Amino acid sequence: MHFNLVKASNRRYLEELKNRGHEMKPVYDAVNIMQETEWVINKPVYEVISKLIEIDDGTGNLPTNPQTIPLPIKEPDVENNDKTSPTYKENLVKWKRQASLVYKDRAKSKSKYIQVRQILTEAELLLDRSFFYPYQLDFRGRIYPKPAMLSPQGADYSRALIKFKYGKKMKDNNSFDDFAIAGAGLYGEVDKEDIQTRLDWVKERLDLFISYAKEPLINTDWSKADKPFCFLAWCFELKDFAETGYDATFITTLPIQSDCSNSGLQHYSAMMRDPVGGKATNLIPSNKPEDVYRIVAEKVIEKLKTKTDPMAKLWLDYGVDRKLCKKPVMCLPYSLTQYSCRQYLQDHVEKEKIEKSRPHYFGEDLFKATNWLTPIVWESINEVIVGAKEIMSFLKTVSRLVASENLPVTWTTPKPLNFPVQMMCYKKESKRVKTKMGDSIIKLSIQSDTEEIDKRKTAQSICPNLIHSLDASVLQLAVIKAKEKGVTNFSLIHDSFGCVAPDVAKLSEAIREAFCEVYEQDVLTNWAMEMKQMLSPKNAKKFPNIPVRGELDLSLVKQSIFFCV
């Protein structure tokens, strides 16, 4: 099967990539290194998931068969269709409202249920063989495995189903410490504490975690983890290691992930050399990790305590925490809107109720409650994240100027990657097509691109696309540096870097070196100059001032444990 290295349909852009291929050798190198990783199915995890799907009780947040989700019980007058009952209409409306939520849940669950069955089928076909992943880039340089289902970038259960074919000896205590820290991160209870607290927490519970692996279908407390199936896979690896008497020659093949601390805000802070943002996103060394989500949540709580509206008390009773604020804060670097912010709050409350039986007292319609809270969360985010907002405003203004020239916003990723990014946001036009199907005339609307650049869409898209291109640059450069240090297997999810435990220290060093090398350059100024060269003299005069950089010493990133852990 043949497919382009870069997933794009615009022929002019593909021709540009071909002509500039010699300039971006490190991009090709990074992809080839990733494609050398050989994988196998994690059989114990496969067996557990297969049995849980048969049981169909939702353990570990696995999707359940949508047909088993029961409809609400009807009141007697509705059940008997007794229209003479004075409460019939009221009860019918109430039942329909409740039933519509069930139908909605069934629709959501159906696609997820089909997906997990498909992934298990793929895993079954690969049970007794090893395999490799081919990778493809999008127009921003982000790297994705070509297979869409069973993948190291898939859902929790999908990632848990695969592991490296070849591993390395656990060697010494430092490797086990990195292994233990990963387990604490997957469980989630102490993942925001200092390193020693995480280690102590795991080592005090080794026998408990081993018992999960011995009887995973009976002792299902592992399913309380933030990433239940990846945590279970970790427990299986721990059990195998323990059965050797913790022999240093034990070969570990489990991918251990190191996640960057809100990478979007890290990039903005690095671009601006913003010491405040840098501290909040762990670019600066500290004994305990900073948590920007918690900081925002604390500001929201402070504001709620000053309000007399009954809704404030309901939210305080519910409990505003970092998890409620996480998605809005995480998505701010990617042009979050207040509309999306409200939806994320509602999604979180609904998810907590379903998955963790967390009660709330906002009634059946969460719109009113989340709509009331949204401006408070929005204001709190903007008070904490100041530097990022300034850059985002600058990026949008410049992008509108470029789009007004009817040109796509085009830039090159930092050296030595030199990947050309072309952001084409054309306006759409709709055409009506009539066709005959049997005896019926079917009218369809087909959308196609025009030749005119959409200024509004361009301004909305620039922030996430620039950040994703920088994420990709750091990842590509980190892979190359890690390979030079002896790391041979990689499990990568954009801003999450995976390898076996004995290689964690080497990969961590490579990530920090790559980040510093990217930002040794004045990334924002370089991007701005590329934009300015595209403008006519008239629009060049409207070019805004580039935001002034702060005094953050980026070399400190190399000493920051919690930058990516």
Protein backbone atom coordinates (compact mmCIF):
# COMPACT_ATOMS: atom_id res chain seq x y z
CA MET A 1 0.00 0.00 0.00
CA HIS A 2 1.29 3.45 -0.90
CA PHE A 3 0.53 6.67 0.94
CA ASN A 4 2.17 10.07 1.12
CA LEU A 5 4.46 10.79 4.05
CA VAL A 6 2.46 13.99 4.63
CA LYS A 7 -1.31 13.59 4.68
CA ALA A 8 -2.38 16.38 2.34
CA SER A 9 -4.46 16.68 -0.82
CA ASN A 10 -3.26 20.03 -2.15
CA ARG A 11 -0.95 19.25 -5.08
CA ARG A 12 0.91 22.54 -4.87
CA TYR A 13 1.75 21.91 -1.21
CA LEU A 14 2.87 18.34 -1.94
CA GLU A 15 5.07 19.64 -4.75
CA GLU A 16 6.57 22.19 -2.34
CA LEU A 17 7.37 19.40 0.13
CA LYS A 18 9.01 17.38 -2.62
CA ASN A 19 11.15 20.31 -3.74
CA ARG A 20 12.27 21.08 -0.17
CA GLY A 21 12.79 17.50 0.97
CA HIS A 22 16.57 17.93 1.11
CA GLU A 23 16.11 20.72 3.72
CA MET A 24 14.28 18.58 6.26
CA LYS A 25 16.36 15.40 6.60
CA PRO A 26 15.87 15.29 10.42
CA VAL A 27 12.09 14.93 9.87
CA TYR A 28 12.66 11.82 7.73
CA ASP A 29 15.18 10.50 10.25
CA ALA A 30 12.72 10.87 13.14
CA VAL A 31 9.96 9.01 11.28
CA ASN A 32 12.29 6.20 10.26
CA ILE A 33 13.55 5.81 13.83
CA MET A 34 9.97 5.55 15.12
CA GLN A 35 9.11 2.97 12.45
CA GLU A 36 11.97 0.71 13.62
CA THR A 37 10.13 -0.06 16.89
CA GLU A 38 8.79 -3.63 16.87
CA TRP A 39 5.60 -4.37 18.81
CA VAL A 40 3.69 -7.38 20.17
CA ILE A 41 0.30 -7.86 21.82
CA ASN A 42 0.24 -7.76 25.63
CA LYS A 43 -1.55 -11.11 26.04
CA PRO A 44 -2.58 -10.85 29.73
CA VAL A 45 -4.26 -7.49 29.05
CA TYR A 46 -5.91 -8.91 25.92
CA GLU A 47 -7.38 -11.80 27.93
CA VAL A 48 -8.75 -9.47 30.62
CA ILE A 49 -10.37 -7.08 28.13
CA SER A 50 -11.87 -9.97 26.14
CA LYS A 51 -13.51 -11.38 29.28
CA LEU A 52 -14.72 -7.98 30.48
CA ILE A 53 -16.40 -7.31 27.15
CA GLU A 54 -18.30 -10.58 27.60
CA ILE A 55 -19.26 -9.65 31.16
CA ASP A 56 -20.33 -6.20 29.88
CA ASP A 57 -20.34 -4.39 33.22
CA GLY A 58 -18.26 -1.35 32.21
CA THR A 59 -15.24 -2.22 34.39
CA GLY A 60 -12.33 0.08 33.64
CA ASN A 61 -14.62 2.46 31.72
CA LEU A 62 -14.93 -0.04 28.88
CA PRO A 63 -17.92 0.80 26.67
CA THR A 64 -20.90 -1.43 27.31
CA ASN A 65 -23.31 -2.93 24.79
CA PRO A 66 -25.68 -0.02 24.05
CA GLN A 67 -28.67 -2.36 23.91
CA THR A 68 -28.19 -3.19 27.60
CA ILE A 69 -28.64 0.44 28.72
CA PRO A 70 -32.19 0.38 30.14
CA LEU A 71 -34.83 2.99 29.39
CA PRO A 72 -36.30 4.83 32.42
CA ILE A 73 -39.26 3.21 34.15
CA LYS A 74 -42.62 4.63 33.09
CA GLU A 75 -45.19 5.83 35.57
CA PRO A 76 -48.31 3.58 35.63
CA ASP A 77 -50.49 6.04 33.68
CA VAL A 78 -47.84 6.35 30.95
CA GLU A 79 -47.22 2.60 30.90
CA ASN A 80 -50.95 1.95 30.44
CA ASN A 81 -51.40 4.92 28.09
CA ASP A 82 -54.10 6.25 30.44
CA LYS A 83 -54.74 9.65 28.88
CA THR A 84 -57.54 10.36 31.34
CA SER A 85 -55.07 10.55 34.21
CA PRO A 86 -54.48 14.17 35.36
CA THR A 87 -50.72 13.50 35.55
CA TYR A 88 -50.46 11.67 32.23
CA LYS A 89 -49.08 14.56 30.15
CA GLU A 90 -46.64 15.68 32.84
CA ASN A 91 -45.34 12.13 33.36
CA LEU A 92 -45.08 11.48 29.62
CA VAL A 93 -43.04 14.64 29.07
CA LYS A 94 -40.79 13.72 32.00
CA TRP A 95 -40.31 10.17 30.69
CA LYS A 96 -39.52 11.39 27.17
CA ARG A 97 -36.94 13.81 28.53
CA GLN A 98 -35.26 11.04 30.53
CA ALA A 99 -35.52 8.58 27.64
CA SER A 100 -33.89 11.05 25.23
CA LEU A 101 -30.80 11.09 27.49
CA VAL A 102 -30.69 7.29 27.39
CA TYR A 103 -30.98 7.26 23.61
CA LYS A 104 -28.18 9.81 23.50
CA ASP A 105 -26.02 7.59 25.73
CA ARG A 106 -26.81 4.59 23.53
CA ALA A 107 -25.74 6.48 20.42
CA LYS A 108 -22.46 7.51 22.10
CA SER A 109 -21.84 4.02 23.43
CA LYS A 110 -22.57 2.31 20.11
CA SER A 111 -19.55 3.72 18.24
CA LYS A 112 -17.25 3.15 21.22
CA TYR A 113 -18.53 -0.42 21.66
CA ILE A 114 -17.96 -1.20 18.00
CA GLN A 115 -14.50 0.34 18.22
CA VAL A 116 -13.37 -1.78 21.16
CA ARG A 117 -14.64 -4.92 19.42
CA GLN A 118 -12.72 -4.01 16.27
CA ILE A 119 -9.55 -3.34 18.27
CA LEU A 120 -9.86 -6.72 20.00
CA THR A 121 -10.30 -8.40 16.63
CA GLU A 122 -7.11 -6.75 15.37
CA ALA A 123 -5.28 -7.79 18.54
CA GLU A 124 -6.46 -11.39 18.12
CA LEU A 125 -5.05 -11.51 14.58
CA LEU A 126 -1.67 -10.31 15.90
CA LEU A 127 -1.49 -12.47 19.04
CA ASP A 128 1.32 -14.72 17.84
CA ARG A 129 3.34 -12.33 15.73
CA SER A 130 5.23 -9.08 15.98
CA PHE A 131 4.46 -6.00 13.90
CA PHE A 132 5.57 -2.47 13.06
CA TYR A 133 3.69 0.80 12.65
CA PRO A 134 4.06 2.98 9.56
CA TYR A 135 3.81 6.67 10.42
CA GLN A 136 2.40 9.67 8.59
CA LEU A 137 2.63 13.43 9.18
CA ASP A 138 -0.16 15.96 8.99
CA PHE A 139 0.41 19.41 7.48
CA ARG A 140 1.78 20.69 10.82
CA GLY A 141 4.41 17.96 11.07
CA ARG A 142 2.58 16.02 13.78
CA ILE A 143 3.29 12.29 13.52
CA TYR A 144 0.53 9.66 13.62
CA PRO A 145 0.56 5.87 13.17
CA LYS A 146 -1.29 5.02 9.97
CA PRO A 147 -3.53 2.31 11.54
CA ALA A 148 -6.50 4.00 13.17
CA MET A 149 -7.65 1.45 15.77
CA LEU A 150 -5.04 -0.61 17.64
CA SER A 151 -2.44 2.06 18.15
CA PRO A 152 0.06 3.54 20.65
CA GLN A 153 -1.96 6.77 20.27
CA GLY A 154 -5.33 5.10 20.87
CA ALA A 155 -7.61 4.91 23.91
CA ASP A 156 -6.34 3.64 27.26
CA TYR A 157 -7.32 0.03 26.54
CA SER A 158 -5.76 0.23 23.05
CA ARG A 159 -2.40 1.43 24.37
CA ALA A 160 -2.45 -1.24 27.08
CA LEU A 161 -2.91 -3.99 24.49
CA ILE A 162 0.55 -3.46 22.96
CA LYS A 163 4.10 -3.47 24.23
CA PHE A 164 7.62 -3.57 22.78
CA LYS A 165 8.89 -6.88 21.45
CA TYR A 166 12.42 -6.16 22.63
CA GLY A 167 13.19 -4.66 26.02
CA LYS A 168 16.16 -3.98 28.26
CA LYS A 169 17.43 -5.21 31.61
CA MET A 170 15.96 -3.40 34.60
CA LYS A 171 19.62 -3.05 35.75
CA ASP A 172 19.51 -0.91 38.88
CA ASN A 173 17.27 0.84 41.41
CA ASN A 174 17.05 3.98 39.30
CA SER A 175 15.31 2.06 36.52
CA PHE A 176 12.83 0.60 38.99
CA ASP A 177 12.25 4.05 40.46
CA ASP A 178 11.30 5.35 36.99
CA PHE A 179 9.06 2.31 36.58
CA ALA A 180 7.40 3.00 39.95
CA ILE A 181 6.90 6.71 39.20
CA ALA A 182 5.13 5.73 35.98
CA GLY A 183 2.79 3.47 37.95
CA ALA A 184 1.91 6.31 40.31
CA GLY A 185 1.18 8.53 37.30
CA LEU A 186 -1.11 5.95 35.71
CA TYR A 187 -3.08 5.48 38.93
CA GLY A 188 -3.40 9.21 39.53
CA GLU A 189 -3.76 9.53 43.29
CA VAL A 190 -0.35 11.11 43.96
CA ASP A 191 0.68 12.11 40.44
CA LYS A 192 0.94 15.79 41.44
CA GLU A 193 3.15 15.16 44.46
CA ASP A 194 6.95 15.25 44.69
CA ILE A 195 8.96 12.32 43.36
CA GLN A 196 9.75 10.77 46.76
CA THR A 197 6.08 10.79 47.75
CA ARG A 198 5.18 8.96 44.55
CA LEU A 199 7.93 6.39 45.10
CA ASP A 200 6.92 5.78 48.72
CA TRP A 201 3.26 5.49 47.72
CA VAL A 202 4.06 2.76 45.17
CA LYS A 203 6.57 0.84 47.28
CA GLU A 204 4.11 0.68 50.20
CA ARG A 205 1.56 -0.97 47.89
CA LEU A 206 3.65 -3.38 45.84
CA ASP A 207 1.90 -6.48 47.20
CA LEU A 208 -1.50 -4.91 46.55
CA PHE A 209 -0.64 -4.07 42.95
CA ILE A 210 0.76 -7.56 42.38
CA SER A 211 -2.53 -9.00 43.69
CA TYR A 212 -4.38 -7.00 41.01
CA ALA A 213 -2.32 -8.78 38.34
CA LYS A 214 -2.88 -12.20 39.89
CA GLU A 215 -6.69 -11.95 39.92
CA PRO A 216 -7.69 -8.99 37.74
CA LEU A 217 -11.25 -10.21 37.22
CA ILE A 218 -11.86 -10.72 40.95
CA ASN A 219 -9.83 -7.92 42.49
CA THR A 220 -10.93 -5.09 40.19
CA ASP A 221 -9.77 -2.12 42.25
CA TRP A 222 -7.19 -1.46 39.52
CA SER A 223 -10.12 -0.07 37.51
CA LYS A 224 -10.23 2.98 39.82
CA ALA A 225 -7.02 4.25 38.22
CA ASP A 226 -7.06 7.29 35.96
CA LYS A 227 -5.80 5.06 33.13
CA PRO A 228 -7.10 1.69 34.27
CA PHE A 229 -5.87 -0.67 31.55
CA CYS A 230 -2.44 0.93 31.18
CA PHE A 231 -2.17 0.69 34.98
CA LEU A 232 -3.20 -2.98 34.82
CA ALA A 233 -0.52 -3.59 32.16
CA TRP A 234 1.95 -1.96 34.58
CA CYS A 235 0.74 -4.31 37.36
CA PHE A 236 1.32 -7.35 35.11
CA GLU A 237 4.88 -6.16 34.42
CA LEU A 238 5.43 -5.59 38.15
CA LYS A 239 4.19 -9.12 38.92
CA ASP A 240 6.56 -10.65 36.35
CA PHE A 241 9.45 -8.64 37.80
CA ALA A 242 8.55 -9.63 41.38
CA GLU A 243 8.42 -13.32 40.44
CA THR A 244 12.11 -13.13 39.47
CA GLY A 245 12.89 -11.82 42.96
CA TYR A 246 13.36 -8.34 41.49
CA ASP A 247 16.36 -9.63 39.54
CA ALA A 248 18.24 -6.76 37.88
CA THR A 249 18.57 -8.86 34.71
CA PHE A 250 14.78 -8.93 34.24
CA ILE A 251 13.92 -7.77 30.70
CA THR A 252 11.19 -5.12 30.77
CA THR A 253 9.24 -4.44 27.57
CA LEU A 254 6.50 -2.16 28.89
CA PRO A 255 6.39 1.39 27.44
CA ILE A 256 6.78 3.98 30.20
CA GLN A 257 5.32 7.40 29.30
CA SER A 258 6.64 10.80 30.35
CA ASP A 259 4.06 13.56 29.86
CA CYS A 260 4.87 17.24 29.41
CA SER A 261 3.21 19.59 31.89
CA ASN A 262 0.59 21.40 29.73
CA SER A 263 2.80 21.57 26.65
CA GLY A 264 0.74 24.30 24.94
CA LEU A 265 1.37 26.78 27.75
CA GLN A 266 4.98 25.60 27.97
CA HIS A 267 5.50 26.62 24.35
CA TYR A 268 3.93 30.04 24.87
CA SER A 269 6.01 30.60 28.00
CA ALA A 270 9.19 29.59 26.17
CA MET A 271 8.40 31.85 23.20
CA MET A 272 7.82 34.80 25.52
CA ARG A 273 10.57 33.86 28.00
CA ASP A 274 7.74 34.38 30.50
CA PRO A 275 8.98 33.62 34.05
CA VAL A 276 5.44 33.55 35.50
CA GLY A 277 4.12 31.13 32.88
CA GLY A 278 7.39 29.22 33.02
CA LYS A 279 7.01 28.65 36.74
CA ALA A 280 3.35 27.61 36.39
CA THR A 281 4.23 25.05 33.70
CA ASN A 282 7.40 23.61 35.30
CA LEU A 283 9.99 25.14 32.99
CA ILE A 284 11.77 26.19 36.21
CA PRO A 285 13.13 23.56 38.65
CA SER A 286 11.24 23.05 41.91
CA ASN A 287 10.94 20.38 44.60
CA LYS A 288 7.22 19.95 43.94
CA PRO A 289 5.41 20.19 40.58
CA GLU A 290 3.45 23.32 39.81
CA ASP A 291 -0.13 22.65 38.75
CA VAL A 292 -1.71 25.39 36.65
CA TYR A 293 -5.06 23.56 36.71
CA ARG A 294 -5.08 23.63 40.51
CA ILE A 295 -4.12 27.32 40.54
CA VAL A 296 -7.09 28.16 38.29
CA ALA A 297 -9.43 26.00 40.40
CA GLU A 298 -8.33 27.81 43.57
CA LYS A 299 -9.08 31.18 41.94
CA VAL A 300 -12.54 29.94 40.91
CA ILE A 301 -13.23 28.82 44.50
CA GLU A 302 -12.14 32.21 45.86
CA LYS A 303 -14.57 33.95 43.53
CA LEU A 304 -17.43 31.57 44.39
CA LYS A 305 -16.99 32.23 48.10
CA THR A 306 -17.61 35.95 47.56
CA LYS A 307 -20.92 35.41 45.72
CA THR A 308 -24.37 35.20 47.33
CA ASP A 309 -26.10 33.52 44.37
CA PRO A 310 -27.48 30.06 45.36
CA MET A 311 -25.67 28.59 42.35
CA ALA A 312 -22.34 29.48 43.95
CA LYS A 313 -23.15 27.29 46.94
CA LEU A 314 -24.20 24.42 44.67
CA TRP A 315 -20.85 24.55 42.89
CA LEU A 316 -18.93 24.80 46.17
CA ASP A 317 -20.86 21.80 47.50
CA TYR A 318 -20.16 19.89 44.28
CA GLY A 319 -16.46 20.68 44.59
CA VAL A 320 -14.55 22.74 42.05
CA ASP A 321 -11.23 20.94 41.55
CA ARG A 322 -8.32 20.79 39.12
CA LYS A 323 -10.03 18.11 37.05
CA LEU A 324 -13.04 20.34 36.38
CA CYS A 325 -10.76 23.16 35.22
CA LYS A 326 -8.24 20.97 33.39
CA LYS A 327 -9.82 20.77 29.93
CA PRO A 328 -10.62 24.51 29.64
CA VAL A 329 -7.10 25.47 30.79
CA MET A 330 -5.48 22.82 28.59
CA CYS A 331 -7.39 24.01 25.52
CA LEU A 332 -6.79 27.75 26.03
CA PRO A 333 -3.55 27.68 23.96
CA TYR A 334 -5.60 26.20 21.13
CA SER A 335 -8.05 29.14 20.82
CA LEU A 336 -10.57 28.04 23.43
CA THR A 337 -13.87 29.93 23.33
CA GLN A 338 -16.33 30.52 26.16
CA TYR A 339 -18.79 28.32 24.27
CA SER A 340 -16.32 25.41 24.32
CA CYS A 341 -15.41 26.17 27.93
CA ARG A 342 -19.03 25.71 29.01
CA GLN A 343 -19.31 22.45 27.08
CA TYR A 344 -16.14 21.07 28.70
CA LEU A 345 -17.53 21.85 32.16
CA GLN A 346 -20.76 20.04 31.36
CA ASP A 347 -18.93 17.07 29.84
CA HIS A 348 -16.83 16.71 32.99
CA VAL A 349 -19.83 16.75 35.35
CA GLU A 350 -21.67 14.19 33.21
CA LYS A 351 -18.59 11.97 32.98
CA GLU A 352 -18.00 12.06 36.74
CA LYS A 353 -21.61 11.08 37.37
CA ILE A 354 -21.49 8.12 34.99
CA GLU A 355 -17.99 6.80 35.68
CA LYS A 356 -17.52 7.65 39.36
CA SER A 357 -21.13 8.03 40.57
CA ARG A 358 -20.31 11.56 41.71
CA PRO A 359 -23.60 13.26 42.62
CA HIS A 360 -24.60 16.81 41.71
CA TYR A 361 -27.65 18.92 42.49
CA PHE A 362 -27.98 20.97 39.32
CA GLY A 363 -30.99 19.06 38.01
CA GLU A 364 -31.32 17.25 34.70
CA ASP A 365 -30.39 20.26 32.58
CA LEU A 366 -26.76 21.19 33.24
CA PHE A 367 -26.77 24.09 30.79
CA LYS A 368 -27.95 26.66 33.31
CA ALA A 369 -25.39 25.64 35.96
CA THR A 370 -22.42 25.42 33.59
CA ASN A 371 -23.43 28.60 31.77
CA TRP A 372 -23.42 30.41 35.14
CA LEU A 373 -19.96 29.07 36.07
CA THR A 374 -18.31 29.62 32.68
CA PRO A 375 -17.55 33.37 32.96
CA ILE A 376 -16.02 32.79 36.41
CA VAL A 377 -13.75 30.05 35.08
CA TRP A 378 -12.93 32.15 32.03
CA GLU A 379 -11.96 35.16 34.14
CA SER A 380 -9.83 32.98 36.43
CA ILE A 381 -7.97 31.44 33.49
CA ASN A 382 -7.19 34.87 32.05
CA GLU A 383 -5.85 36.06 35.41
CA VAL A 384 -3.44 33.11 35.61
CA ILE A 385 -2.40 32.86 31.97
CA VAL A 386 -1.46 36.37 30.88
CA GLY A 387 1.53 35.89 28.57
CA ALA A 388 -0.21 33.28 26.42
CA LYS A 389 -3.16 35.59 25.79
CA GLU A 390 -0.82 38.33 24.53
CA ILE A 391 0.86 36.00 22.02
CA MET A 392 -2.47 34.56 20.88
CA SER A 393 -3.80 38.04 20.15
CA PHE A 394 -0.65 38.82 18.14
CA LEU A 395 -0.86 35.57 16.15
CA LYS A 396 -4.50 36.16 15.24
CA THR A 397 -3.92 39.76 14.15
CA VAL A 398 -1.02 38.80 11.89
CA SER A 399 -2.92 35.85 10.43
CA ARG A 400 -5.85 38.07 9.50
CA LEU A 401 -3.46 40.37 7.64
CA VAL A 402 -2.01 37.45 5.67
CA ALA A 403 -5.48 36.07 4.92
CA SER A 404 -6.60 39.50 3.71
CA GLU A 405 -3.99 39.10 0.94
CA ASN A 406 -5.81 35.84 0.02
CA LEU A 407 -2.68 33.87 0.91
CA PRO A 408 -2.40 30.77 3.12
CA VAL A 409 -0.47 31.30 6.35
CA THR A 410 2.84 29.53 5.69
CA TRP A 411 5.84 29.06 7.95
CA THR A 412 8.85 26.80 8.50
CA THR A 413 9.39 24.86 11.72
CA PRO A 414 12.56 25.72 13.71
CA LYS A 415 15.98 24.52 12.60
CA PRO A 416 17.20 21.89 12.04
CA LEU A 417 13.71 20.47 11.20
CA ASN A 418 12.76 23.02 8.52
CA PHE A 419 9.37 21.44 7.83
CA PRO A 420 7.16 23.74 5.67
CA VAL A 421 3.70 24.23 7.21
CA GLN A 422 0.95 25.58 5.00
CA MET A 423 -2.38 26.41 6.65
CA MET A 424 -5.05 26.60 3.97
CA CYS A 425 -8.42 27.76 5.30
CA TYR A 426 -10.52 28.35 2.22
CA LYS A 427 -14.11 29.52 2.31
CA LYS A 428 -16.66 26.87 1.42
CA GLU A 429 -19.41 27.00 -1.13
CA SER A 430 -22.44 24.74 -1.11
CA LYS A 431 -23.89 23.22 -4.24
CA ARG A 432 -27.25 21.49 -4.50
CA VAL A 433 -27.27 18.22 -6.40
CA LYS A 434 -30.38 16.31 -7.40
CA THR A 435 -30.21 12.60 -8.06
CA LYS A 436 -32.67 9.77 -8.42
CA MET A 437 -32.74 6.80 -6.05
CA GLY A 438 -35.42 4.33 -7.04
CA ASP A 439 -38.60 6.31 -7.50
CA SER A 440 -37.46 9.14 -5.23
CA ILE A 441 -35.60 12.32 -6.02
CA ILE A 442 -32.82 12.93 -3.49
CA LYS A 443 -31.42 16.44 -2.99
CA LEU A 444 -27.93 16.67 -1.58
CA SER A 445 -25.75 19.60 -0.54
CA ILE A 446 -22.07 19.23 -1.40
CA GLN A 447 -19.50 21.61 0.03
CA SER A 448 -16.32 22.44 -1.83
CA ASP A 449 -13.44 24.90 -1.37
CA THR A 450 -13.53 28.25 -3.11
CA GLU A 451 -10.41 30.19 -4.12
CA GLU A 452 -10.93 32.71 -1.28
CA ILE A 453 -9.13 32.41 2.07
CA ASP A 454 -11.43 32.54 5.11
CA LYS A 455 -10.01 35.25 7.42
CA ARG A 456 -12.11 34.28 10.43
CA LYS A 457 -11.22 30.59 10.23
CA THR A 458 -7.56 31.44 9.66
CA ALA A 459 -7.46 33.56 12.83
CA GLN A 460 -9.19 30.78 14.81
CA SER A 461 -6.81 28.11 13.53
CA ILE A 462 -3.41 29.75 13.83
CA CYS A 463 -2.86 29.25 17.59
CA PRO A 464 -3.46 25.47 17.74
CA ASN A 465 -1.65 24.85 14.46
CA LEU A 466 1.46 26.80 15.43
CA ILE A 467 1.64 25.08 18.82
CA HIS A 468 1.14 21.64 17.26
CA SER A 469 3.93 22.33 14.77
CA LEU A 470 6.25 23.24 17.67
CA ASP A 471 5.18 20.13 19.60
CA ALA A 472 6.08 18.10 16.53
CA SER A 473 9.45 19.83 16.22
CA VAL A 474 10.42 19.01 19.81
CA LEU A 475 9.27 15.40 19.41
CA GLN A 476 11.18 14.86 16.16
CA LEU A 477 14.37 16.36 17.52
CA ALA A 478 14.03 14.46 20.83
CA VAL A 479 13.69 11.13 18.98
CA ILE A 480 16.88 11.76 17.04
CA LYS A 481 18.82 12.80 20.16
CA ALA A 482 17.46 9.83 22.16
CA LYS A 483 18.51 7.39 19.43
CA GLU A 484 22.04 8.84 19.60
CA LYS A 485 22.02 8.17 23.37
CA GLY A 486 21.04 4.51 22.86
CA VAL A 487 17.23 4.54 23.13
CA THR A 488 15.86 2.03 20.63
CA ASN A 489 12.10 1.74 21.22
CA PHE A 490 9.60 4.60 21.20
CA SER A 491 5.93 5.02 22.06
CA LEU A 492 5.04 8.63 21.24
CA ILE A 493 1.84 10.67 21.57
CA HIS A 494 2.76 14.22 20.50
CA ASP A 495 3.75 15.60 23.94
CA SER A 496 4.00 12.23 25.70
CA PHE A 497 7.23 10.28 25.30
CA GLY A 498 7.45 6.54 25.96
CA CYS A 499 10.31 4.04 26.25
CA VAL A 500 11.29 1.18 28.57
CA ALA A 501 12.15 2.08 32.18
CA PRO A 502 15.96 1.68 31.77
CA ASP A 503 15.87 4.29 28.98
CA VAL A 504 13.72 6.90 30.78
CA ALA A 505 16.70 8.96 31.98
CA LYS A 506 18.23 9.09 28.48
CA LEU A 507 14.94 10.02 26.82
CA SER A 508 14.24 12.66 29.49
CA GLU A 509 17.61 14.25 28.81
CA ALA A 510 16.95 14.19 25.05
CA ILE A 511 13.52 15.85 25.44
CA ARG A 512 14.95 18.73 27.46
CA GLU A 513 17.87 19.21 25.09
CA ALA A 514 15.48 19.25 22.12
CA PHE A 515 13.18 21.79 23.76
CA CYS A 516 16.08 24.12 24.56
CA GLU A 517 17.55 23.76 21.05
CA VAL A 518 14.22 24.69 19.46
CA TYR A 519 13.83 27.77 21.68
CA GLU A 520 17.43 28.93 21.49
CA GLN A 521 16.05 30.50 18.32
CA ASP A 522 13.63 33.41 18.56
CA VAL A 523 10.71 31.29 17.35
CA LEU A 524 8.08 34.03 17.51
CA THR A 525 10.19 36.64 15.70
CA ASN A 526 11.18 34.14 13.00
CA TRP A 527 7.52 33.26 12.45
CA ALA A 528 6.56 36.94 12.35
CA MET A 529 9.24 37.77 9.77
CA GLU A 530 8.02 34.96 7.50
CA MET A 531 4.53 36.44 7.75
CA LYS A 532 5.67 40.01 7.10
CA GLN A 533 7.47 38.99 3.90
CA MET A 534 4.14 37.77 2.53
CA LEU A 535 2.37 41.10 2.99
CA SER A 536 1.90 43.97 0.59
CA PRO A 537 3.46 47.33 1.60
CA LYS A 538 0.00 48.55 2.66
CA ASN A 539 -0.58 45.67 5.08
CA ALA A 540 3.06 45.61 6.19
CA LYS A 541 2.45 49.06 7.71
CA LYS A 542 -0.35 47.53 9.84
CA PHE A 543 1.93 44.82 11.20
CA PRO A 544 1.64 44.82 15.04
CA ASN A 545 4.58 45.03 17.39
CA ILE A 546 6.04 41.67 18.37
CA PRO A 547 5.37 41.02 22.09
CA VAL A 548 8.40 41.84 24.25
CA ARG A 549 10.13 38.79 25.67
CA GLY A 550 10.82 38.36 29.38
CA GLU A 551 13.94 37.20 31.20
CA LEU A 552 13.26 33.48 31.69
CA ASP A 553 16.47 31.44 31.53
CA LEU A 554 15.45 28.49 29.34
CA SER A 555 18.56 26.49 30.21
CA LEU A 556 16.82 25.82 33.55
CA VAL A 557 14.53 23.41 31.71
CA LYS A 558 17.38 20.89 31.68
CA GLN A 559 17.30 20.86 35.49
CA SER A 560 13.50 20.73 35.85
CA ILE A 561 12.33 17.27 36.89
CA PHE A 562 8.66 18.10 36.43
CA PHE A 563 8.98 19.63 32.95
CA CYS A 564 8.17 16.20 31.53
CA VAL A 565 7.66 13.26 33.90
